[in-house]
Amino acid sequence: MTIMSVLAAMKDALLKVGGRAIWKPYFVRNCSCEGMAQHLFNVFNPMIREATKERVFITTVEVTEDSKNSATYISDSLPTT
């Protein structure tokens, strides 16, 4: 059984209890602070770039869980113009 099939089964189980009116499953492959920072960068940077016609972009995302756990994702490539 692959991780994707397990996630699909979990999603199906959640949707059986209340349907989409209650749940909107959103699975993130790596939900650590590091994984969330990278995921948020990958979601929001393209949105920001599109909305500003490439004038604005994200370089860093910082996620803080508490005073003992945080992570910063720094893009490894900057756009060239």
PDB file of N, CA and C in Angstrom:
ATOM      1  N   MET A   1       0.849  -1.176   0.000  1.00  0.00           N
ATOM      2  CA  MET A   1       0.000   0.000   0.000  1.00  0.00           C
ATOM      3  C   MET A   1       0.895   1.240   0.000  1.00  0.00           C
ATOM      4  N   THR A   2       0.651   2.150  -0.928  1.00  0.00           N
ATOM      5  CA  THR A   2       1.460   3.356  -1.019  1.00  0.00           C
ATOM      6  C   THR A   2       0.906   4.449  -0.116  1.00  0.00           C
ATOM      7  N   ILE A   3       1.711   5.447   0.124  1.00  0.00           N
ATOM      8  CA  ILE A   3       1.268   6.582   0.944  1.00  0.00           C
ATOM      9  C   ILE A   3       0.074   7.281   0.294  1.00  0.00           C
ATOM     10  N   MET A   4       0.082   7.343  -1.040  1.00  0.00           N
ATOM     11  CA  MET A   4      -1.027   8.007  -1.733  1.00  0.00           C
ATOM     12  C   MET A   4      -2.330   7.228  -1.563  1.00  0.00           C
ATOM     13  N   SER A   5      -2.268   5.909  -1.561  1.00  0.00           N
ATOM     14  CA  SER A   5      -3.490   5.131  -1.376  1.00  0.00           C
ATOM     15  C   SER A   5      -3.996   5.250   0.060  1.00  0.00           C
ATOM     16  N   VAL A   6      -3.076   5.359   1.011  1.00  0.00           N
ATOM     17  CA  VAL A   6      -3.478   5.564   2.411  1.00  0.00           C
ATOM     18  C   VAL A   6      -4.151   6.920   2.561  1.00  0.00           C
ATOM     19  N   LEU A   7      -3.571   7.969   1.966  1.00  0.00           N
ATOM     20  CA  LEU A   7      -4.167   9.306   2.041  1.00  0.00           C
ATOM     21  C   LEU A   7      -5.535   9.333   1.357  1.00  0.00           C
ATOM     22  N   ALA A   8      -5.660   8.654   0.235  1.00  0.00           N
ATOM     23  CA  ALA A   8      -6.956   8.604  -0.456  1.00  0.00           C
ATOM     24  C   ALA A   8      -8.001   7.916   0.411  1.00  0.00           C
ATOM     25  N   ALA A   9      -7.626   6.848   1.094  1.00  0.00           N
ATOM     26  CA  ALA A   9      -8.556   6.151   1.983  1.00  0.00           C
ATOM     27  C   ALA A   9      -8.967   7.040   3.155  1.00  0.00           C
ATOM     28  N   MET A  10      -8.008   7.789   3.705  1.00  0.00           N
ATOM     29  CA  MET A  10      -8.320   8.706   4.806  1.00  0.00           C
ATOM     30  C   MET A  10      -9.279   9.794   4.333  1.00  0.00           C
ATOM     31  N   LYS A  11      -9.024  10.344   3.162  1.00  0.00           N
ATOM     32  CA  LYS A  11      -9.888  11.382   2.607  1.00  0.00           C
ATOM     33  C   LYS A  11     -11.302  10.840   2.407  1.00  0.00           C
ATOM     34  N   ASP A  12     -11.411   9.658   1.826  1.00  0.00           N
ATOM     35  CA  ASP A  12     -12.722   9.054   1.599  1.00  0.00           C
ATOM     36  C   ASP A  12     -13.459   8.827   2.912  1.00  0.00           C
ATOM     37  N   ALA A  13     -12.740   8.370   3.939  1.00  0.00           N
ATOM     38  CA  ALA A  13     -13.363   8.135   5.240  1.00  0.00           C
ATOM     39  C   ALA A  13     -13.882   9.436   5.840  1.00  0.00           C
ATOM     40  N   LEU A  14     -13.112  10.520   5.734  1.00  0.00           N
ATOM     41  CA  LEU A  14     -13.569  11.815   6.259  1.00  0.00           C
ATOM     42  C   LEU A  14     -14.807  12.310   5.520  1.00  0.00           C
ATOM     43  N   LEU A  15     -14.819  12.152   4.211  1.00  0.00           N
ATOM     44  CA  LEU A  15     -15.940  12.656   3.414  1.00  0.00           C
ATOM     45  C   LEU A  15     -17.222  11.868   3.662  1.00  0.00           C
ATOM     46  N   LYS A  16     -17.109  10.618   4.107  1.00  0.00           N
ATOM     47  CA  LYS A  16     -18.301   9.823   4.417  1.00  0.00           C
ATOM     48  C   LYS A  16     -19.013  10.355   5.656  1.00  0.00           C
ATOM     49  N   VAL A  17     -18.279  11.033   6.525  1.00  0.00           N
ATOM     50  CA  VAL A  17     -18.864  11.579   7.755  1.00  0.00           C
ATOM     51  C   VAL A  17     -19.116  13.059   7.539  1.00  0.00           C
ATOM     52  N   GLY A  18     -20.232  13.412   6.968  1.00  0.00           N
ATOM     53  CA  GLY A  18     -20.596  14.811   6.807  1.00  0.00           C
ATOM     54  C   GLY A  18     -20.379  15.375   5.426  1.00  0.00           C
ATOM     55  N   GLY A  19     -19.611  14.718   4.612  1.00  0.00           N
ATOM     56  CA  GLY A  19     -19.403  15.180   3.244  1.00  0.00           C
ATOM     57  C   GLY A  19     -18.623  16.482   3.164  1.00  0.00           C
ATOM     58  N   ARG A  20     -18.617  17.059   1.983  1.00  0.00           N
ATOM     59  CA  ARG A  20     -17.840  18.284   1.735  1.00  0.00           C
ATOM     60  C   ARG A  20     -18.427  19.514   2.426  1.00  0.00           C
ATOM     61  N   ALA A  21     -19.659  19.409   2.938  1.00  0.00           N
ATOM     62  CA  ALA A  21     -20.242  20.535   3.667  1.00  0.00           C
ATOM     63  C   ALA A  21     -19.505  20.765   4.986  1.00  0.00           C
ATOM     64  N   ILE A  22     -18.882  19.722   5.524  1.00  0.00           N
ATOM     65  CA  ILE A  22     -18.190  19.826   6.806  1.00  0.00           C
ATOM     66  C   ILE A  22     -16.678  19.792   6.640  1.00  0.00           C
ATOM     67  N   TRP A  23     -16.187  18.924   5.767  1.00  0.00           N
ATOM     68  CA  TRP A  23     -14.748  18.708   5.615  1.00  0.00           C
ATOM     69  C   TRP A  23     -14.239  19.212   4.278  1.00  0.00           C
ATOM     70  N   LYS A  24     -13.061  19.749   4.302  1.00  0.00           N
ATOM     71  CA  LYS A  24     -12.335  20.034   3.076  1.00  0.00           C
ATOM     72  C   LYS A  24     -10.924  19.480   3.273  1.00  0.00           C
ATOM     73  N   PRO A  25     -10.762  18.186   3.021  1.00  0.00           N
ATOM     74  CA  PRO A  25      -9.453  17.575   3.272  1.00  0.00           C
ATOM     75  C   PRO A  25      -8.362  18.219   2.418  1.00  0.00           C
ATOM     76  N   TYR A  26      -7.244  18.484   3.054  1.00  0.00           N
ATOM     77  CA  TYR A  26      -6.088  19.045   2.372  1.00  0.00           C
ATOM     78  C   TYR A  26      -4.861  18.365   2.963  1.00  0.00           C
ATOM     79  N   PHE A  27      -4.250  17.526   2.189  1.00  0.00           N
ATOM     80  CA  PHE A  27      -3.133  16.743   2.689  1.00  0.00           C
ATOM     81  C   PHE A  27      -1.816  17.359   2.254  1.00  0.00           C
ATOM     82  N   VAL A  28      -0.906  17.437   3.202  1.00  0.00           N
ATOM     83  CA  VAL A  28       0.430  17.948   2.950  1.00  0.00           C
ATOM     84  C   VAL A  28       1.390  16.791   3.175  1.00  0.00           C
ATOM     85  N   ARG A  29       2.275  16.584   2.211  1.00  0.00           N
ATOM     86  CA  ARG A  29       3.184  15.434   2.277  1.00  0.00           C
ATOM     87  C   ARG A  29       4.074  15.472   3.522  1.00  0.00           C
ATOM     88  N   ASN A  30       4.549  16.630   3.917  1.00  0.00           N
ATOM     89  CA  ASN A  30       5.444  16.753   5.068  1.00  0.00           C
ATOM     90  C   ASN A  30       4.903  17.867   5.954  1.00  0.00           C
ATOM     91  N   CYS A  31       4.311  17.522   7.094  1.00  0.00           N
ATOM     92  CA  CYS A  31       3.663  18.545   7.926  1.00  0.00           C
ATOM     93  C   CYS A  31       4.543  19.025   9.082  1.00  0.00           C
ATOM     94  N   SER A  32       5.849  18.787   8.996  1.00  0.00           N
ATOM     95  CA  SER A  32       6.768  19.396   9.963  1.00  0.00           C
ATOM     96  C   SER A  32       6.838  20.898   9.677  1.00  0.00           C
ATOM     97  N   CYS A  33       7.442  21.639  10.569  1.00  0.00           N
ATOM     98  CA  CYS A  33       7.606  23.080  10.311  1.00  0.00           C
ATOM     99  C   CYS A  33       8.369  23.308   9.014  1.00  0.00           C
ATOM    100  N   GLU A  34       9.405  22.492   8.777  1.00  0.00           N
ATOM    101  CA  GLU A  34      10.190  22.625   7.554  1.00  0.00           C
ATOM    102  C   GLU A  34       9.342  22.335   6.317  1.00  0.00           C
ATOM    103  N   GLY A  35       8.568  21.264   6.397  1.00  0.00           N
ATOM    104  CA  GLY A  35       7.706  20.890   5.279  1.00  0.00           C
ATOM    105  C   GLY A  35       6.608  21.907   5.025  1.00  0.00           C
ATOM    106  N   MET A  36       6.025  22.441   6.096  1.00  0.00           N
ATOM    107  CA  MET A  36       4.974  23.438   5.936  1.00  0.00           C
ATOM    108  C   MET A  36       5.526  24.722   5.332  1.00  0.00           C
ATOM    109  N   ALA A  37       6.715  25.137   5.755  1.00  0.00           N
ATOM    110  CA  ALA A  37       7.319  26.358   5.208  1.00  0.00           C
ATOM    111  C   ALA A  37       7.554  26.199   3.705  1.00  0.00           C
ATOM    112  N   GLN A  38       8.080  25.054   3.300  1.00  0.00           N
ATOM    113  CA  GLN A  38       8.316  24.818   1.874  1.00  0.00           C
ATOM    114  C   GLN A  38       6.996  24.716   1.107  1.00  0.00           C
ATOM    115  N   HIS A  39       6.020  24.042   1.686  1.00  0.00           N
ATOM    116  CA  HIS A  39       4.722  23.909   1.028  1.00  0.00           C
ATOM    117  C   HIS A  39       4.067  25.277   0.834  1.00  0.00           C
ATOM    118  N   LEU A  40       4.082  26.097   1.875  1.00  0.00           N
ATOM    119  CA  LEU A  40       3.474  27.426   1.771  1.00  0.00           C
ATOM    120  C   LEU A  40       4.183  28.277   0.717  1.00  0.00           C
ATOM    121  N   PHE A  41       5.499  28.161   0.647  1.00  0.00           N
ATOM    122  CA  PHE A  41       6.238  28.869  -0.402  1.00  0.00           C
ATOM    123  C   PHE A  41       5.758  28.407  -1.782  1.00  0.00           C
ATOM    124  N   ASN A  42       5.671  27.088  -1.960  1.00  0.00           N
ATOM    125  CA  ASN A  42       5.277  26.540  -3.268  1.00  0.00           C
ATOM    126  C   ASN A  42       3.837  26.876  -3.652  1.00  0.00           C
ATOM    127  N   VAL A  43       2.985  27.126  -2.671  1.00  0.00           N
ATOM    128  CA  VAL A  43       1.590  27.501  -2.954  1.00  0.00           C
ATOM    129  C   VAL A  43       1.477  29.004  -3.221  1.00  0.00           C
ATOM    130  N   PHE A  44       2.065  29.820  -2.342  1.00  0.00           N
ATOM    131  CA  PHE A  44       1.821  31.255  -2.412  1.00  0.00           C
ATOM    132  C   PHE A  44       2.734  32.019  -3.366  1.00  0.00           C
ATOM    133  N   ASN A  45       3.951  31.583  -3.580  1.00  0.00           N
ATOM    134  CA  ASN A  45       4.834  32.317  -4.481  1.00  0.00           C
ATOM    135  C   ASN A  45       4.257  32.415  -5.897  1.00  0.00           C
ATOM    136  N   PRO A  46       3.776  31.330  -6.490  1.00  0.00           N
ATOM    137  CA  PRO A  46       3.178  31.472  -7.828  1.00  0.00           C
ATOM    138  C   PRO A  46       1.952  32.396  -7.835  1.00  0.00           C
ATOM    139  N   MET A  47       1.157  32.370  -6.765  1.00  0.00           N
ATOM    140  CA  MET A  47      -0.021  33.238  -6.696  1.00  0.00           C
ATOM    141  C   MET A  47       0.389  34.706  -6.651  1.00  0.00           C
ATOM    142  N   ILE A  48       1.390  35.015  -5.827  1.00  0.00           N
ATOM    143  CA  ILE A  48       1.870  36.395  -5.692  1.00  0.00           C
ATOM    144  C   ILE A  48       2.464  36.870  -7.015  1.00  0.00           C
ATOM    145  N   ARG A  49       3.266  36.017  -7.627  1.00  0.00           N
ATOM    146  CA  ARG A  49       3.911  36.402  -8.892  1.00  0.00           C
ATOM    147  C   ARG A  49       2.877  36.659  -9.981  1.00  0.00           C
ATOM    148  N   GLU A  50       1.859  35.808 -10.043  1.00  0.00           N
ATOM    149  CA  GLU A  50       0.814  35.995 -11.058  1.00  0.00           C
ATOM    150  C   GLU A  50       0.016  37.264 -10.794  1.00  0.00           C
ATOM    151  N   ALA A  51      -0.367  37.480  -9.533  1.00  0.00           N
ATOM    152  CA  ALA A  51      -1.192  38.632  -9.184  1.00  0.00           C
ATOM    153  C   ALA A  51      -0.472  39.956  -9.425  1.00  0.00           C
ATOM    154  N   THR A  52       0.858  39.949  -9.344  1.00  0.00           N
ATOM    155  CA  THR A  52       1.624  41.187  -9.513  1.00  0.00           C
ATOM    156  C   THR A  52       2.344  41.247 -10.854  1.00  0.00           C
ATOM    157  N   LYS A  53       1.989  40.359 -11.754  1.00  0.00           N
ATOM    158  CA  LYS A  53       2.638  40.301 -13.078  1.00  0.00           C
ATOM    159  C   LYS A  53       4.156  40.215 -12.935  1.00  0.00           C
ATOM    160  N   GLU A  54       4.597  39.331 -12.035  1.00  0.00           N
ATOM    161  CA  GLU A  54       6.023  39.031 -11.822  1.00  0.00           C
ATOM    162  C   GLU A  54       6.816  40.149 -11.141  1.00  0.00           C
ATOM    163  N   ARG A  55       6.139  41.178 -10.623  1.00  0.00           N
ATOM    164  CA  ARG A  55       6.865  42.273  -9.976  1.00  0.00           C
ATOM    165  C   ARG A  55       7.259  41.929  -8.536  1.00  0.00           C
ATOM    166  N   VAL A  56       6.507  41.028  -7.908  1.00  0.00           N
ATOM    167  CA  VAL A  56       6.753  40.673  -6.509  1.00  0.00           C
ATOM    168  C   VAL A  56       6.900  39.160  -6.424  1.00  0.00           C
ATOM    169  N   PHE A  57       7.809  38.720  -5.575  1.00  0.00           N
ATOM    170  CA  PHE A  57       7.979  37.288  -5.361  1.00  0.00           C
ATOM    171  C   PHE A  57       8.393  37.053  -3.916  1.00  0.00           C
ATOM    172  N   ILE A  58       8.185  35.848  -3.444  1.00  0.00           N
ATOM    173  CA  ILE A  58       8.537  35.475  -2.074  1.00  0.00           C
ATOM    174  C   ILE A  58       9.924  34.853  -2.097  1.00  0.00           C
ATOM    175  N   THR A  59      10.748  35.235  -1.160  1.00  0.00           N
ATOM    176  CA  THR A  59      12.077  34.631  -1.055  1.00  0.00           C
ATOM    177  C   THR A  59      12.203  33.733   0.170  1.00  0.00           C
ATOM    178  N   THR A  60      11.441  34.042   1.228  1.00  0.00           N
ATOM    179  CA  THR A  60      11.578  33.322   2.490  1.00  0.00           C
ATOM    180  C   THR A  60      10.214  33.138   3.147  1.00  0.00           C
ATOM    181  N   VAL A  61      10.005  31.966   3.722  1.00  0.00           N
ATOM    182  CA  VAL A  61       8.802  31.709   4.521  1.00  0.00           C
ATOM    183  C   VAL A  61       9.258  31.171   5.870  1.00  0.00           C
ATOM    184  N   GLU A  62       8.773  31.773   6.941  1.00  0.00           N
ATOM    185  CA  GLU A  62       9.102  31.316   8.293  1.00  0.00           C
ATOM    186  C   GLU A  62       7.841  30.779   8.956  1.00  0.00           C
ATOM    187  N   VAL A  63       7.935  29.591   9.526  1.00  0.00           N
ATOM    188  CA  VAL A  63       6.823  28.961  10.239  1.00  0.00           C
ATOM    189  C   VAL A  63       7.266  28.751  11.676  1.00  0.00           C
ATOM    190  N   THR A  64       6.453  29.210  12.619  1.00  0.00           N
ATOM    191  CA  THR A  64       6.757  29.040  14.033  1.00  0.00           C
ATOM    192  C   THR A  64       5.625  28.280  14.704  1.00  0.00           C
ATOM    193  N   GLU A  65       5.971  27.165  15.322  1.00  0.00           N
ATOM    194  CA  GLU A  65       4.980  26.372  16.054  1.00  0.00           C
ATOM    195  C   GLU A  65       4.884  26.852  17.493  1.00  0.00           C
ATOM    196  N   ASP A  66       6.026  26.995  18.116  1.00  0.00           N
ATOM    197  CA  ASP A  66       6.116  27.522  19.473  1.00  0.00           C
ATOM    198  C   ASP A  66       7.537  28.030  19.682  1.00  0.00           C
ATOM    199  N   SER A  67       7.886  28.375  20.908  1.00  0.00           N
ATOM    200  CA  SER A  67       9.210  28.956  21.153  1.00  0.00           C
ATOM    201  C   SER A  67      10.351  27.968  20.925  1.00  0.00           C
ATOM    202  N   LYS A  68      10.032  26.686  20.827  1.00  0.00           N
ATOM    203  CA  LYS A  68      11.081  25.680  20.660  1.00  0.00           C
ATOM    204  C   LYS A  68      11.095  25.043  19.272  1.00  0.00           C
ATOM    205  N   ASN A  69      10.162  25.398  18.414  1.00  0.00           N
ATOM    206  CA  ASN A  69      10.098  24.748  17.111  1.00  0.00           C
ATOM    207  C   ASN A  69       9.693  25.742  16.029  1.00  0.00           C
ATOM    208  N   SER A  70      10.605  25.981  15.126  1.00  0.00           N
ATOM    209  CA  SER A  70      10.314  26.850  13.985  1.00  0.00           C
ATOM    210  C   SER A  70      11.227  26.445  12.835  1.00  0.00           C
ATOM    211  N   ALA A  71      10.905  26.933  11.649  1.00  0.00           N
ATOM    212  CA  ALA A  71      11.720  26.648  10.471  1.00  0.00           C
ATOM    213  C   ALA A  71      11.586  27.791   9.489  1.00  0.00           C
ATOM    214  N   THR A  72      12.636  27.987   8.713  1.00  0.00           N
ATOM    215  CA  THR A  72      12.629  28.996   7.664  1.00  0.00           C
ATOM    216  C   THR A  72      12.982  28.323   6.354  1.00  0.00           C
ATOM    217  N   TYR A  73      12.139  28.539   5.355  1.00  0.00           N
ATOM    218  CA  TYR A  73      12.435  28.039   4.011  1.00  0.00           C
ATOM    219  C   TYR A  73      12.916  29.223   3.184  1.00  0.00           C
ATOM    220  N   ILE A  74      14.097  29.083   2.587  1.00  0.00           N
ATOM    221  CA  ILE A  74      14.662  30.117   1.733  1.00  0.00           C
ATOM    222  C   ILE A  74      14.747  29.558   0.328  1.00  0.00           C
ATOM    223  N   SER A  75      14.155  30.263  -0.611  1.00  0.00           N
ATOM    224  CA  SER A  75      14.165  29.823  -2.012  1.00  0.00           C
ATOM    225  C   SER A  75      15.605  29.686  -2.494  1.00  0.00           C
ATOM    226  N   ASP A  76      15.871  28.621  -3.229  1.00  0.00           N
ATOM    227  CA  ASP A  76      17.232  28.419  -3.737  1.00  0.00           C
ATOM    228  C   ASP A  76      17.457  29.102  -5.081  1.00  0.00           C
ATOM    229  N   SER A  77      16.409  29.714  -5.620  1.00  0.00           N
ATOM    230  CA  SER A  77      16.590  30.435  -6.880  1.00  0.00           C
ATOM    231  C   SER A  77      15.739  31.702  -6.891  1.00  0.00           C
ATOM    232  N   LEU A  78      16.349  32.781  -7.297  1.00  0.00           N
ATOM    233  CA  LEU A  78      15.639  34.053  -7.420  1.00  0.00           C
ATOM    234  C   LEU A  78      15.317  34.281  -8.896  1.00  0.00           C
ATOM    235  N   PRO A  79      14.177  34.882  -9.167  1.00  0.00           N
ATOM    236  CA  PRO A  79      13.840  35.155 -10.568  1.00  0.00           C
ATOM    237  C   PRO A  79      14.825  36.137 -11.192  1.00  0.00           C
ATOM    238  N   THR A  80      15.100  35.951 -12.441  1.00  0.00           N
ATOM    239  CA  THR A  80      15.972  36.895 -13.150  1.00  0.00           C
ATOM    240  C   THR A  80      15.134  37.717 -14.106  1.00  0.00           C
ATOM    241  N   THR A  81      15.370  38.989 -14.102  1.00  0.00           N
ATOM    242  CA  THR A  81      14.638  39.886 -15.022  1.00  0.00           C
ATOM    243  C   THR A  81      15.582  40.870 -15.639  1.00  0.00           C
TER     244      THR A  81
END
